[in-house]
Amino acid sequence: MAEVIAGVGVSHVPALGDAMESGQEGPASAVFEMFEPVRDWVEKLDLDTLIVIYNDHAAAFSLELYPTFAIGAAPSYAPADEGYGAREVPDCEGDLDLSWHLIDSVIPEGFDLAICQQLDVDHGFTVPLTVLYGKPEEWPVRVVPIAVNVVQQPTPSAQRCFDLGRAIGRAIASFPEARRVGVVGTGGMSHQLQGTRAGHINQEFDRRFLADIADDPANLAALSNREYILEAGSEGAELVMWLVMRGAMAEAVNVAYSAYHVPVSNTGAGIIALEPLLAQ
């Protein structure tokens, strides 16, 4: 049977992808060191499939047509051209059977996912893969992309995202084939790219979020969208995607690793690795 054996929350700062591709040292080296323990941890887990919760930055969707939730149901996903060429990373192989099982399970529960049988994925999706797997010739896992609208108002609430994650977790548990599944929630941490608060970073909130995502996700789910923007900035509101990941996991988890670094390209960057806490 399928089971979620790992959850990861990680920032998807595009500058990190560029630096990791080029092997850039200097200020970025401290961030690379922050990722290494999680990369080793993921390698040992030998995952079959990653479900990646991300937001599209107007690469596959436009502001004229931007779904609240969308799921990939394609055999493969190519890196998107974000205006300066696609990232030089491999295409991602899709897990079609699991995608369609999630679609058939989650939509009847009341979560209206747009189904994408063709989808290019941008840095919000591919940078976390580089964080977890480096620069392989081929990605060692199949993927299921799930995109969340955190760009065009109105955006889904933190509670709705957490509830979606729970529905995904139930769907995975009912999948009839064996799968070692990891779920990745991407985006954040606190940052704002425009307006009078451009450059906003709230380290206190970021560190509290890293603690609560493991031990008290219901507290984070209870925060309003306005509270996320006030605390974490307009782009820091991406953190609701980590709640989809957390909802898909067991109620009790163990923190395998957690780290935080600031600033990264005017962004608070964090990572957390979670594993289900097995009953004694």
C-alpha atoms as a PDB file:
ATOM      1  CA  MET A   1       0.000   0.000   0.000  1.00  0.00           C
ATOM      2  CA  ALA A   2       1.058   3.590  -0.477  1.00  0.00           C
ATOM      3  CA  GLU A   3       2.232   5.604   2.498  1.00  0.00           C
ATOM      4  CA  VAL A   4       3.578   9.076   3.157  1.00  0.00           C
ATOM      5  CA  ILE A   5       6.972   8.514   4.730  1.00  0.00           C
ATOM      6  CA  ALA A   6       8.382  12.038   4.441  1.00  0.00           C
ATOM      7  CA  GLY A   7       7.299  15.648   4.387  1.00  0.00           C
ATOM      8  CA  VAL A   8       9.506  18.595   3.483  1.00  0.00           C
ATOM      9  CA  GLY A   9       8.849  22.307   3.706  1.00  0.00           C
ATOM     10  CA  VAL A  10      11.368  24.348   1.743  1.00  0.00           C
ATOM     11  CA  SER A  11      11.825  27.800   0.235  1.00  0.00           C
ATOM     12  CA  HIS A  12      11.936  27.999  -3.562  1.00  0.00           C
ATOM     13  CA  VAL A  13      13.932  31.226  -3.993  1.00  0.00           C
ATOM     14  CA  PRO A  14      14.907  31.368  -7.707  1.00  0.00           C
ATOM     15  CA  ALA A  15      18.361  32.746  -6.881  1.00  0.00           C
ATOM     16  CA  LEU A  16      19.092  29.516  -5.029  1.00  0.00           C
ATOM     17  CA  GLY A  17      18.470  27.526  -8.186  1.00  0.00           C
ATOM     18  CA  ASP A  18      20.837  29.722 -10.172  1.00  0.00           C
ATOM     19  CA  ALA A  19      23.520  29.478  -7.496  1.00  0.00           C
ATOM     20  CA  MET A  20      23.224  25.698  -7.166  1.00  0.00           C
ATOM     21  CA  GLU A  21      23.395  25.222 -10.927  1.00  0.00           C
ATOM     22  CA  SER A  22      26.537  27.349 -11.254  1.00  0.00           C
ATOM     23  CA  GLY A  23      28.223  26.039  -8.100  1.00  0.00           C
ATOM     24  CA  GLN A  24      28.419  29.612  -6.851  1.00  0.00           C
ATOM     25  CA  GLU A  25      30.187  30.022  -3.527  1.00  0.00           C
ATOM     26  CA  GLY A  26      30.373  33.067  -1.273  1.00  0.00           C
ATOM     27  CA  PRO A  27      27.217  34.049   0.624  1.00  0.00           C
ATOM     28  CA  ALA A  28      25.237  31.155  -0.872  1.00  0.00           C
ATOM     29  CA  SER A  29      27.577  28.507   0.568  1.00  0.00           C
ATOM     30  CA  ALA A  30      25.983  28.773   4.029  1.00  0.00           C
ATOM     31  CA  VAL A  31      22.588  27.995   2.500  1.00  0.00           C
ATOM     32  CA  PHE A  32      23.963  25.027   0.555  1.00  0.00           C
ATOM     33  CA  GLU A  33      25.344  23.609   3.795  1.00  0.00           C
ATOM     34  CA  MET A  34      21.886  23.996   5.320  1.00  0.00           C
ATOM     35  CA  PHE A  35      20.445  21.701   2.635  1.00  0.00           C
ATOM     36  CA  GLU A  36      23.022  18.892   2.782  1.00  0.00           C
ATOM     37  CA  PRO A  37      21.579  16.955   5.770  1.00  0.00           C
ATOM     38  CA  VAL A  38      18.133  16.847   4.155  1.00  0.00           C
ATOM     39  CA  ARG A  39      19.615  15.690   0.848  1.00  0.00           C
ATOM     40  CA  ASP A  40      21.333  12.807   2.659  1.00  0.00           C
ATOM     41  CA  TRP A  41      18.121  12.010   4.533  1.00  0.00           C
ATOM     42  CA  VAL A  42      16.019  11.930   1.349  1.00  0.00           C
ATOM     43  CA  GLU A  43      18.545   9.710  -0.429  1.00  0.00           C
ATOM     44  CA  LYS A  44      18.262   7.088   2.331  1.00  0.00           C
ATOM     45  CA  LEU A  45      14.455   7.108   2.137  1.00  0.00           C
ATOM     46  CA  ASP A  46      14.508   5.863  -1.484  1.00  0.00           C
ATOM     47  CA  LEU A  47      11.209   7.548  -2.351  1.00  0.00           C
ATOM     48  CA  ASP A  48       9.156   6.393  -5.323  1.00  0.00           C
ATOM     49  CA  THR A  49       7.087   9.552  -5.804  1.00  0.00           C
ATOM     50  CA  LEU A  50       7.168  13.177  -4.711  1.00  0.00           C
ATOM     51  CA  ILE A  51       3.974  15.194  -4.529  1.00  0.00           C
ATOM     52  CA  VAL A  52       5.149  18.793  -4.873  1.00  0.00           C
ATOM     53  CA  ILE A  53       2.884  21.597  -3.670  1.00  0.00           C
ATOM     54  CA  TYR A  54       3.982  24.803  -5.387  1.00  0.00           C
ATOM     55  CA  ASN A  55       2.727  27.988  -6.963  1.00  0.00           C
ATOM     56  CA  ASP A  56       3.071  28.857 -10.602  1.00  0.00           C
ATOM     57  CA  HIS A  57       4.622  32.287 -11.230  1.00  0.00           C
ATOM     58  CA  ALA A  58       2.583  33.047 -14.379  1.00  0.00           C
ATOM     59  CA  ALA A  59       4.564  30.511 -16.413  1.00  0.00           C
ATOM     60  CA  ALA A  60       1.862  27.885 -17.039  1.00  0.00           C
ATOM     61  CA  PHE A  61      -1.086  30.027 -15.914  1.00  0.00           C
ATOM     62  CA  SER A  62      -1.853  33.696 -16.485  1.00  0.00           C
ATOM     63  CA  LEU A  63      -3.702  36.153 -14.294  1.00  0.00           C
ATOM     64  CA  GLU A  64      -6.584  35.883 -16.770  1.00  0.00           C
ATOM     65  CA  LEU A  65      -6.904  32.156 -16.051  1.00  0.00           C
ATOM     66  CA  TYR A  66      -5.479  31.125 -12.680  1.00  0.00           C
ATOM     67  CA  PRO A  67      -7.046  28.118 -10.906  1.00  0.00           C
ATOM     68  CA  THR A  68      -7.260  28.002  -7.122  1.00  0.00           C
ATOM     69  CA  PHE A  69      -5.910  24.433  -7.103  1.00  0.00           C
ATOM     70  CA  ALA A  70      -4.513  22.470 -10.050  1.00  0.00           C
ATOM     71  CA  ILE A  71      -3.024  18.997 -10.362  1.00  0.00           C
ATOM     72  CA  GLY A  72      -0.772  17.563 -13.021  1.00  0.00           C
ATOM     73  CA  ALA A  73      -1.939  14.418 -14.798  1.00  0.00           C
ATOM     74  CA  ALA A  74       0.725  14.195 -17.487  1.00  0.00           C
ATOM     75  CA  PRO A  75       3.383  11.590 -18.304  1.00  0.00           C
ATOM     76  CA  SER A  76       6.110  14.222 -17.916  1.00  0.00           C
ATOM     77  CA  TYR A  77       6.667  17.866 -16.978  1.00  0.00           C
ATOM     78  CA  ALA A  78       9.213  20.120 -18.673  1.00  0.00           C
ATOM     79  CA  PRO A  79      10.906  23.121 -17.029  1.00  0.00           C
ATOM     80  CA  ALA A  80       9.013  26.275 -17.965  1.00  0.00           C
ATOM     81  CA  ASP A  81      10.547  29.227 -19.775  1.00  0.00           C
ATOM     82  CA  GLU A  82      10.080  32.057 -17.276  1.00  0.00           C
ATOM     83  CA  GLY A  83      11.166  34.780 -19.696  1.00  0.00           C
ATOM     84  CA  TYR A  84      14.894  34.111 -19.667  1.00  0.00           C
ATOM     85  CA  GLY A  85      14.947  30.492 -20.791  1.00  0.00           C
ATOM     86  CA  ALA A  86      14.081  27.302 -18.961  1.00  0.00           C
ATOM     87  CA  ARG A  87      16.252  26.059 -16.092  1.00  0.00           C
ATOM     88  CA  GLU A  88      18.767  23.506 -17.303  1.00  0.00           C
ATOM     89  CA  VAL A  89      17.358  20.642 -15.286  1.00  0.00           C
ATOM     90  CA  PRO A  90      15.862  17.331 -16.422  1.00  0.00           C
ATOM     91  CA  ASP A  91      12.218  16.902 -17.304  1.00  0.00           C
ATOM     92  CA  CYS A  92      10.199  15.320 -14.493  1.00  0.00           C
ATOM     93  CA  GLU A  93       8.564  11.930 -14.981  1.00  0.00           C
ATOM     94  CA  GLY A  94       4.953  11.935 -13.824  1.00  0.00           C
ATOM     95  CA  ASP A  95       3.253   9.305 -11.674  1.00  0.00           C
ATOM     96  CA  LEU A  96       0.081   9.074 -13.741  1.00  0.00           C
ATOM     97  CA  ASP A  97      -1.585   6.337 -11.722  1.00  0.00           C
ATOM     98  CA  LEU A  98      -1.209   8.228  -8.462  1.00  0.00           C
ATOM     99  CA  SER A  99      -2.258  11.527 -10.094  1.00  0.00           C
ATOM    100  CA  TRP A 100      -5.529  10.057 -11.315  1.00  0.00           C
ATOM    101  CA  HIS A 101      -6.168   8.324  -8.008  1.00  0.00           C
ATOM    102  CA  LEU A 102      -5.778  11.668  -6.230  1.00  0.00           C
ATOM    103  CA  ILE A 103      -8.108  13.308  -8.747  1.00  0.00           C
ATOM    104  CA  ASP A 104     -10.737  10.587  -8.359  1.00  0.00           C
ATOM    105  CA  SER A 105     -10.485  10.711  -4.560  1.00  0.00           C
ATOM    106  CA  VAL A 106     -10.058  14.392  -3.721  1.00  0.00           C
ATOM    107  CA  ILE A 107     -12.520  16.045  -6.110  1.00  0.00           C
ATOM    108  CA  PRO A 108     -15.519  14.071  -4.768  1.00  0.00           C
ATOM    109  CA  GLU A 109     -14.560  15.358  -1.303  1.00  0.00           C
ATOM    110  CA  GLY A 110     -15.286  18.880  -2.519  1.00  0.00           C
ATOM    111  CA  PHE A 111     -11.851  20.114  -3.636  1.00  0.00           C
ATOM    112  CA  ASP A 112     -12.227  21.314  -7.215  1.00  0.00           C
ATOM    113  CA  LEU A 113      -8.815  20.656  -8.747  1.00  0.00           C
ATOM    114  CA  ALA A 114      -8.145  21.835 -12.287  1.00  0.00           C
ATOM    115  CA  ILE A 115      -6.735  18.825 -14.149  1.00  0.00           C
ATOM    116  CA  CYS A 116      -3.657  19.582 -16.273  1.00  0.00           C
ATOM    117  CA  GLN A 117      -2.796  16.859 -18.786  1.00  0.00           C
ATOM    118  CA  GLN A 118      -0.052  19.127 -20.106  1.00  0.00           C
ATOM    119  CA  LEU A 119       1.935  21.328 -17.727  1.00  0.00           C
ATOM    120  CA  ASP A 120       5.311  23.042 -17.659  1.00  0.00           C
ATOM    121  CA  VAL A 121       6.713  23.659 -14.178  1.00  0.00           C
ATOM    122  CA  ASP A 122       8.670  26.733 -13.096  1.00  0.00           C
ATOM    123  CA  HIS A 123      11.243  27.436 -10.385  1.00  0.00           C
ATOM    124  CA  GLY A 124       8.625  27.031  -7.669  1.00  0.00           C
ATOM    125  CA  PHE A 125       8.655  23.333  -8.543  1.00  0.00           C
ATOM    126  CA  THR A 126      12.177  22.673  -9.810  1.00  0.00           C
ATOM    127  CA  VAL A 127      14.264  24.558  -7.227  1.00  0.00           C
ATOM    128  CA  PRO A 128      13.038  22.275  -4.402  1.00  0.00           C
ATOM    129  CA  LEU A 129      13.978  19.258  -6.531  1.00  0.00           C
ATOM    130  CA  THR A 130      17.495  20.654  -6.877  1.00  0.00           C
ATOM    131  CA  VAL A 131      17.613  21.273  -3.125  1.00  0.00           C
ATOM    132  CA  LEU A 132      16.717  17.631  -2.467  1.00  0.00           C
ATOM    133  CA  TYR A 133      18.575  15.875  -5.290  1.00  0.00           C
ATOM    134  CA  GLY A 134      21.324  18.149  -6.569  1.00  0.00           C
ATOM    135  CA  LYS A 135      22.083  18.033 -10.297  1.00  0.00           C
ATOM    136  CA  PRO A 136      21.350  14.500 -11.545  1.00  0.00           C
ATOM    137  CA  GLU A 137      21.069  13.582 -15.208  1.00  0.00           C
ATOM    138  CA  GLU A 138      17.571  12.319 -14.398  1.00  0.00           C
ATOM    139  CA  TRP A 139      15.415  12.928 -11.331  1.00  0.00           C
ATOM    140  CA  PRO A 140      15.366   9.719  -9.245  1.00  0.00           C
ATOM    141  CA  VAL A 141      11.634   9.984  -8.404  1.00  0.00           C
ATOM    142  CA  ARG A 142       8.359  10.381 -10.226  1.00  0.00           C
ATOM    143  CA  VAL A 143       6.307  13.448  -9.395  1.00  0.00           C
ATOM    144  CA  VAL A 144       2.783  14.748  -8.969  1.00  0.00           C
ATOM    145  CA  PRO A 145       2.593  18.572  -9.217  1.00  0.00           C
ATOM    146  CA  ILE A 146      -0.156  20.349  -7.272  1.00  0.00           C
ATOM    147  CA  ALA A 147      -0.326  24.098  -7.844  1.00  0.00           C
ATOM    148  CA  VAL A 148      -1.934  26.494  -5.374  1.00  0.00           C
ATOM    149  CA  ASN A 149      -2.987  30.057  -6.160  1.00  0.00           C
ATOM    150  CA  VAL A 150      -1.114  32.372  -3.818  1.00  0.00           C
ATOM    151  CA  VAL A 151      -0.786  35.042  -6.515  1.00  0.00           C
ATOM    152  CA  GLN A 152      -4.225  36.248  -7.614  1.00  0.00           C
ATOM    153  CA  GLN A 153      -6.748  37.374  -4.991  1.00  0.00           C
ATOM    154  CA  PRO A 154      -8.813  35.824  -3.566  1.00  0.00           C
ATOM    155  CA  THR A 155      -6.437  33.061  -2.506  1.00  0.00           C
ATOM    156  CA  PRO A 156      -7.436  29.937  -0.554  1.00  0.00           C
ATOM    157  CA  SER A 157      -7.252  30.138   3.224  1.00  0.00           C
ATOM    158  CA  ALA A 158      -4.642  28.394   5.319  1.00  0.00           C
ATOM    159  CA  GLN A 159      -7.399  26.162   6.719  1.00  0.00           C
ATOM    160  CA  ARG A 160      -8.538  25.200   3.221  1.00  0.00           C
ATOM    161  CA  CYS A 161      -4.967  24.292   2.286  1.00  0.00           C
ATOM    162  CA  PHE A 162      -4.567  22.215   5.452  1.00  0.00           C
ATOM    163  CA  ASP A 163      -7.854  20.433   4.726  1.00  0.00           C
ATOM    164  CA  LEU A 164      -6.761  19.752   1.144  1.00  0.00           C
ATOM    165  CA  GLY A 165      -3.610  18.137   2.529  1.00  0.00           C
ATOM    166  CA  ARG A 166      -5.708  15.909   4.766  1.00  0.00           C
ATOM    167  CA  ALA A 167      -7.783  14.811   1.771  1.00  0.00           C
ATOM    168  CA  ILE A 168      -4.584  14.051  -0.148  1.00  0.00           C
ATOM    169  CA  GLY A 169      -3.311  12.010   2.796  1.00  0.00           C
ATOM    170  CA  ARG A 170      -6.510   9.950   2.859  1.00  0.00           C
ATOM    171  CA  ALA A 171      -6.274   9.403  -0.892  1.00  0.00           C
ATOM    172  CA  ILE A 172      -2.683   8.191  -0.665  1.00  0.00           C
ATOM    173  CA  ALA A 173      -3.634   5.751   2.106  1.00  0.00           C
ATOM    174  CA  SER A 174      -6.317   4.260  -0.169  1.00  0.00           C
ATOM    175  CA  PHE A 175      -4.052   3.874  -3.213  1.00  0.00           C
ATOM    176  CA  PRO A 176      -3.889   0.119  -3.955  1.00  0.00           C
ATOM    177  CA  GLU A 177      -0.298  -0.012  -5.195  1.00  0.00           C
ATOM    178  CA  ALA A 178       2.910   0.187  -3.177  1.00  0.00           C
ATOM    179  CA  ARG A 179       4.411   3.675  -3.105  1.00  0.00           C
ATOM    180  CA  ARG A 180       6.938   5.342  -0.828  1.00  0.00           C
ATOM    181  CA  VAL A 181       5.638   8.881  -1.054  1.00  0.00           C
ATOM    182  CA  GLY A 182       7.176  12.182  -0.028  1.00  0.00           C
ATOM    183  CA  VAL A 183       5.208  15.429   0.036  1.00  0.00           C
ATOM    184  CA  VAL A 184       6.965  18.755  -0.455  1.00  0.00           C
ATOM    185  CA  GLY A 185       5.427  22.113   0.452  1.00  0.00           C
ATOM    186  CA  THR A 186       7.324  24.959  -1.198  1.00  0.00           C
ATOM    187  CA  GLY A 187       7.556  28.740  -0.967  1.00  0.00           C
ATOM    188  CA  GLY A 188       8.348  31.423   1.593  1.00  0.00           C
ATOM    189  CA  MET A 189       9.552  32.142   4.103  1.00  0.00           C
ATOM    190  CA  SER A 190       8.823  35.791   4.934  1.00  0.00           C
ATOM    191  CA  HIS A 191       9.458  38.216   2.096  1.00  0.00           C
ATOM    192  CA  GLN A 192       7.847  40.967   0.071  1.00  0.00           C
ATOM    193  CA  LEU A 193       8.991  42.020  -3.386  1.00  0.00           C
ATOM    194  CA  GLN A 194       7.124  45.294  -3.894  1.00  0.00           C
ATOM    195  CA  GLY A 195       5.547  48.315  -2.248  1.00  0.00           C
ATOM    196  CA  THR A 196       6.592  50.204   0.850  1.00  0.00           C
ATOM    197  CA  ARG A 197       7.299  46.936   2.678  1.00  0.00           C
ATOM    198  CA  ALA A 198       9.638  45.577   0.003  1.00  0.00           C
ATOM    199  CA  GLY A 199      12.416  43.636   1.697  1.00  0.00           C
ATOM    200  CA  HIS A 200      10.222  42.745   4.691  1.00  0.00           C
ATOM    201  CA  ILE A 201      11.588  39.772   6.683  1.00  0.00           C
ATOM    202  CA  ASN A 202      10.095  38.615   9.979  1.00  0.00           C
ATOM    203  CA  GLN A 203      12.550  36.191  11.544  1.00  0.00           C
ATOM    204  CA  GLU A 204      10.472  35.747  14.692  1.00  0.00           C
ATOM    205  CA  PHE A 205       7.424  34.645  12.700  1.00  0.00           C
ATOM    206  CA  ASP A 206       9.499  32.377  10.441  1.00  0.00           C
ATOM    207  CA  ARG A 207      11.038  30.546  13.396  1.00  0.00           C
ATOM    208  CA  ARG A 208       7.666  30.217  15.106  1.00  0.00           C
ATOM    209  CA  PHE A 209       6.215  28.825  11.880  1.00  0.00           C
ATOM    210  CA  LEU A 210       8.995  26.211  11.673  1.00  0.00           C
ATOM    211  CA  ALA A 211       8.132  25.056  15.198  1.00  0.00           C
ATOM    212  CA  ASP A 212       4.352  25.047  14.730  1.00  0.00           C
ATOM    213  CA  ILE A 213       4.308  23.310  11.358  1.00  0.00           C
ATOM    214  CA  ALA A 214       5.513  20.201  13.173  1.00  0.00           C
ATOM    215  CA  ASP A 215       3.821  20.469  16.562  1.00  0.00           C
ATOM    216  CA  ASP A 216       0.787  22.730  16.142  1.00  0.00           C
ATOM    217  CA  PRO A 217      -0.277  23.019  12.495  1.00  0.00           C
ATOM    218  CA  ALA A 218      -3.861  23.750  13.554  1.00  0.00           C
ATOM    219  CA  ASN A 219      -2.609  27.046  15.010  1.00  0.00           C
ATOM    220  CA  LEU A 220      -1.113  27.993  11.647  1.00  0.00           C
ATOM    221  CA  ALA A 221      -4.253  26.880   9.797  1.00  0.00           C
ATOM    222  CA  ALA A 222      -6.320  29.214  11.972  1.00  0.00           C
ATOM    223  CA  LEU A 223      -4.426  32.307  10.781  1.00  0.00           C
ATOM    224  CA  SER A 224      -6.210  34.428   8.189  1.00  0.00           C
ATOM    225  CA  ASN A 225      -4.718  35.368   4.829  1.00  0.00           C
ATOM    226  CA  ARG A 226      -4.448  38.939   6.097  1.00  0.00           C
ATOM    227  CA  GLU A 227      -2.457  37.772   9.121  1.00  0.00           C
ATOM    228  CA  TYR A 228      -0.051  35.850   6.889  1.00  0.00           C
ATOM    229  CA  ILE A 229       0.544  38.923   4.739  1.00  0.00           C
ATOM    230  CA  LEU A 230       0.999  41.191   7.769  1.00  0.00           C
ATOM    231  CA  GLU A 231       3.426  38.796   9.441  1.00  0.00           C
ATOM    232  CA  ALA A 232       5.288  37.288   6.504  1.00  0.00           C
ATOM    233  CA  GLY A 233       4.770  39.768   3.658  1.00  0.00           C
ATOM    234  CA  SER A 234       2.756  39.453   0.482  1.00  0.00           C
ATOM    235  CA  GLU A 235       4.986  36.701  -0.934  1.00  0.00           C
ATOM    236  CA  GLY A 236       5.565  35.130   2.475  1.00  0.00           C
ATOM    237  CA  ALA A 237       1.898  34.144   2.300  1.00  0.00           C
ATOM    238  CA  GLU A 238       3.197  31.249   0.141  1.00  0.00           C
ATOM    239  CA  LEU A 239       3.677  29.452   3.461  1.00  0.00           C
ATOM    240  CA  VAL A 240       0.108  28.147   3.298  1.00  0.00           C
ATOM    241  CA  MET A 241       1.452  25.583   0.821  1.00  0.00           C
ATOM    242  CA  TRP A 242       3.496  24.024   3.620  1.00  0.00           C
ATOM    243  CA  LEU A 243       0.159  23.345   5.323  1.00  0.00           C
ATOM    244  CA  VAL A 244      -0.958  21.179   2.383  1.00  0.00           C
ATOM    245  CA  MET A 245       2.164  19.095   2.965  1.00  0.00           C
ATOM    246  CA  ARG A 246       1.579  18.917   6.711  1.00  0.00           C
ATOM    247  CA  GLY A 247      -2.067  17.954   6.305  1.00  0.00           C
ATOM    248  CA  ALA A 248      -1.074  14.989   4.121  1.00  0.00           C
ATOM    249  CA  MET A 249       1.097  13.581   6.903  1.00  0.00           C
ATOM    250  CA  ALA A 250       0.291  11.698  10.078  1.00  0.00           C
ATOM    251  CA  GLU A 251      -1.002  13.761  12.977  1.00  0.00           C
ATOM    252  CA  ALA A 252       2.156  13.125  14.995  1.00  0.00           C
ATOM    253  CA  VAL A 253       5.506  13.693  13.321  1.00  0.00           C
ATOM    254  CA  ASN A 254       9.164  13.756  14.217  1.00  0.00           C
ATOM    255  CA  VAL A 255      11.402  16.594  13.054  1.00  0.00           C
ATOM    256  CA  ALA A 256      14.330  14.939  11.307  1.00  0.00           C
ATOM    257  CA  TYR A 257      15.923  18.296  10.504  1.00  0.00           C
ATOM    258  CA  SER A 258      15.135  22.001  10.553  1.00  0.00           C
ATOM    259  CA  ALA A 259      17.184  25.050   9.591  1.00  0.00           C
ATOM    260  CA  TYR A 260      16.743  28.736   8.808  1.00  0.00           C
ATOM    261  CA  HIS A 261      18.946  31.321   7.119  1.00  0.00           C
ATOM    262  CA  VAL A 262      18.431  35.009   6.429  1.00  0.00           C
ATOM    263  CA  PRO A 263      18.669  36.813   4.175  1.00  0.00           C
ATOM    264  CA  VAL A 264      18.636  34.898   0.919  1.00  0.00           C
ATOM    265  CA  SER A 265      17.899  37.322  -1.913  1.00  0.00           C
ATOM    266  CA  ASN A 266      15.829  39.495   0.485  1.00  0.00           C
ATOM    267  CA  THR A 267      14.034  36.380   1.685  1.00  0.00           C
ATOM    268  CA  GLY A 268      13.991  34.357   4.851  1.00  0.00           C
ATOM    269  CA  ALA A 269      14.862  30.827   3.696  1.00  0.00           C
ATOM    270  CA  GLY A 270      13.920  27.770   5.710  1.00  0.00           C
ATOM    271  CA  ILE A 271      13.726  24.019   5.440  1.00  0.00           C
ATOM    272  CA  ILE A 272      12.143  21.344   7.598  1.00  0.00           C
ATOM    273  CA  ALA A 273      12.132  17.566   7.173  1.00  0.00           C
ATOM    274  CA  LEU A 274       9.352  15.585   8.851  1.00  0.00           C
ATOM    275  CA  GLU A 275       8.719  11.878   9.271  1.00  0.00           C
ATOM    276  CA  PRO A 276       5.665  10.129  10.740  1.00  0.00           C
ATOM    277  CA  LEU A 277       6.021   9.324  14.423  1.00  0.00           C
ATOM    278  CA  LEU A 278       5.443   5.606  14.664  1.00  0.00           C
ATOM    279  CA  ALA A 279       3.346   4.276  17.513  1.00  0.00           C
ATOM    280  CA  GLN A 280       5.386   2.579  20.201  1.00  0.00           C
END
